[in-house]
Each structure stands twice: as C-alpha cells, then as structure tokens.
Protein backbone atom coordinates (compact mmCIF):
# COMPACT_ATOMS: atom_id res chain seq x y z
CA MET A 1 1.89 36.93 -12.38
CA ASP A 2 2.54 36.58 -8.26
CA ALA A 3 -1.27 34.91 -9.13
CA ILE A 4 0.29 32.16 -11.59
CA LYS A 5 3.11 31.40 -9.06
CA GLU A 6 0.40 30.76 -5.82
CA ILE A 7 -2.30 28.51 -8.64
CA LEU A 8 1.03 26.45 -9.29
CA ALA A 9 2.09 26.36 -5.63
CA VAL A 10 -1.42 24.95 -4.55
CA LEU A 11 -1.63 22.47 -7.50
CA ILE A 12 2.20 21.31 -6.88
CA SER A 13 1.26 20.97 -3.14
CA TRP A 14 -2.14 18.84 -3.00
CA PRO A 15 -1.35 15.93 -4.95
CA THR A 16 1.89 15.35 -2.86
CA ALA A 17 0.19 16.38 0.25
CA VAL A 18 -2.32 13.09 -1.00
CA ILE A 19 0.88 10.83 -1.77
CA VAL A 20 1.93 11.41 1.33
CA THR A 21 -0.73 10.85 3.41
CA VAL A 22 -1.69 7.81 1.64
CA LEU A 23 1.94 6.57 2.16
CA VAL A 24 1.54 7.49 6.11
CA LEU A 25 -1.80 6.10 6.67
CA ARG A 26 -1.89 3.26 4.17
CA SER A 27 -1.38 0.19 6.37
CA PRO A 28 -4.73 1.55 8.66
CA ILE A 29 -6.39 2.21 5.09
CA LYS A 30 -5.59 -1.21 4.33
CA MET A 31 -6.87 -2.80 7.69
CA LEU A 32 -10.09 -0.90 6.88
CA ILE A 33 -10.78 -1.87 3.57
CA GLU A 34 -9.90 -5.63 4.50
CA ARG A 35 -12.21 -5.04 7.49
CA LEU A 36 -14.95 -3.53 4.99
CA ILE A 37 -14.31 -6.70 2.48
CA ASN A 38 -14.31 -9.72 5.15
CA SER A 39 -17.90 -8.50 7.26
CA GLU A 40 -20.73 -9.17 6.18
CA SER A 41 -22.24 -5.63 7.09
CA GLY A 42 -19.52 -4.05 5.36
CA LYS A 43 -21.13 -1.29 3.41
CA ALA A 44 -19.53 1.64 2.08
CA LYS A 45 -21.60 5.06 1.10
CA VAL A 46 -19.70 7.55 -1.42
CA GLY A 47 -22.65 10.46 -1.54
CA PRO A 48 -26.19 8.89 -2.49
CA VAL A 49 -24.01 5.36 -3.72
CA GLU A 50 -24.08 2.67 -0.99
CA VAL A 51 -22.07 -0.62 -1.75
CA GLU A 52 -22.36 -3.56 1.12
CA LEU A 53 -18.90 -4.49 0.14
CA GLY A 54 -18.23 -7.45 2.43
CA LYS A 55 -22.07 -8.38 0.26
CA LEU A 56 -20.00 -7.80 -3.06
CA ALA A 57 -17.04 -9.39 -2.31
CA LYS A 58 -18.63 -12.84 -1.19
CA GLU A 59 -20.44 -12.52 -4.82
CA GLY A 60 -17.10 -12.06 -6.65
CA LYS A 61 -15.55 -14.78 -4.95
CA GLU A 62 -18.11 -16.48 -5.91
CA ALA A 63 -19.06 -16.04 -9.93
CA VAL A 64 -14.62 -16.69 -9.95
CA ASN A 65 -15.53 -19.97 -8.80
CA SER A 66 -18.45 -20.74 -10.71
CA LEU A 67 -16.00 -19.63 -13.78
CA ASN A 68 -13.58 -21.78 -12.76
CA ARG A 69 -15.13 -24.93 -11.90
CA ILE A 70 -16.78 -24.36 -16.24
CA ASN A 71 -13.38 -24.01 -17.10
CA VAL A 72 -11.68 -26.95 -15.57
CA LEU A 73 -14.89 -29.00 -17.09
CA MET A 74 -14.29 -27.55 -20.04
CA ALA A 75 -10.91 -28.95 -19.79
CA GLU A 76 -11.45 -32.44 -18.56
CA SER A 77 -14.42 -32.59 -21.52
CA ARG A 78 -11.75 -31.80 -23.61
CA LEU A 79 -9.47 -33.99 -22.83
CA LEU A 80 -12.34 -37.00 -23.08
CA GLU A 81 -12.73 -35.92 -27.00
CA LEU A 82 -8.74 -35.78 -27.72
CA GLU A 83 -8.38 -39.40 -25.93
CA ILE A 84 -11.66 -40.97 -27.32
CA THR A 85 -10.14 -39.36 -31.07
CA GLU A 86 -6.21 -40.44 -30.86
CA GLY A 87 -7.28 -44.22 -29.63
CA ASN A 88 -10.46 -44.46 -32.82
CA PHE A 89 -8.43 -42.29 -35.32
CA GLY A 90 -5.03 -42.62 -33.99
CA PRO A 91 -3.21 -43.84 -37.13
CA VAL A 92 -5.41 -41.86 -39.69
CA PHE A 93 -2.97 -38.95 -38.15
CA THR A 94 0.34 -38.33 -39.23
CA PRO A 95 3.12 -38.62 -36.73
CA GLU A 96 3.27 -35.15 -36.18
CA GLN A 97 -0.65 -34.36 -35.67
CA ARG A 98 -0.42 -37.85 -32.77
CA GLU A 99 2.89 -36.27 -31.42
CA LYS A 100 0.62 -32.73 -31.42
CA MET A 101 -2.28 -34.28 -30.05
CA GLN A 102 -0.50 -36.14 -27.07
CA GLU A 103 1.07 -33.42 -26.23
CA GLN A 104 -2.33 -31.71 -25.44
CA ILE A 105 -3.04 -34.81 -24.09
CA ASN A 106 -0.78 -34.74 -21.84
CA GLU A 107 -0.93 -30.89 -21.04
CA LEU A 108 -4.61 -31.22 -20.22
CA ARG A 109 -4.43 -34.23 -17.90
CA GLN A 110 -1.62 -31.89 -15.71
CA LEU A 111 -3.90 -29.01 -15.75
CA THR A 112 -7.05 -30.94 -14.79
CA ASN A 113 -5.17 -32.95 -12.39
CA GLU A 114 -3.92 -29.81 -10.68
CA ALA A 115 -7.22 -28.46 -10.38
CA ALA A 116 -8.59 -31.58 -8.73
CA ASN A 117 -5.84 -31.18 -6.66
CA LYS A 118 -6.54 -27.19 -5.46
CA ALA A 119 -9.61 -28.41 -5.27
CA ASN A 120 -8.89 -30.84 -2.47
C-alpha cells in the first residue's frame, strides 16, 4: 500500500512541476521560440532530428501567401463569371434567382476589394 502511495505521489507531482515550470518560464520560452522562428539560422535539434525553424517559418508563410493569392484569383474569376451571366442571361432567371446572383456578386466584390486593400 505504501508503494502505491509513493507512485501516486510521483505521478501527481511531476505534472504539477511541469505546469508550474512552464508558467514561470513562459516569457523566456516564448522569446526563444520567436527568436528561433525569426532568425534565418534558427535550428532546433531533438535527438537525431534537426529542424531549421527560421527557414520552415519563411516557407510556411510563402505557402500561405500563395494559397491566399489563389483563393483571391478564384474569387475574382467567379465574380467575372457571375457578372457575365447576369449581363447576358439575367432576364432568363426568376426574380429570386437574380436577387441571389446579385447578392453573390456584391459579396464577391466586397471580398475581392478587401483582399486587394490588404495586399496594398
């Protein structure tokens, strides 16, 4: 019974110690991570695995920027399609369909304008 109490005491105490340590050192840990990510040569090595955090973060940002640009381009393309459809075939649609198409056109215009403003 004493052995079980000792094991429980160890299991309960180490998570508490880790949490307290992280809370106490969160500011220095955060600064260290930011420094590793923002530097070009920031490397982290855990056992046999070595990662260049600065390069990884830069490549990640570039990938996200590319995906954002693709999304904007697709939205601009869809907006153009809707405008052409409205101009050429608008009278064929029901009033509800025209209203829905106009709502989509307006929303796409707003979103593409916002994206253009963020890019500038």
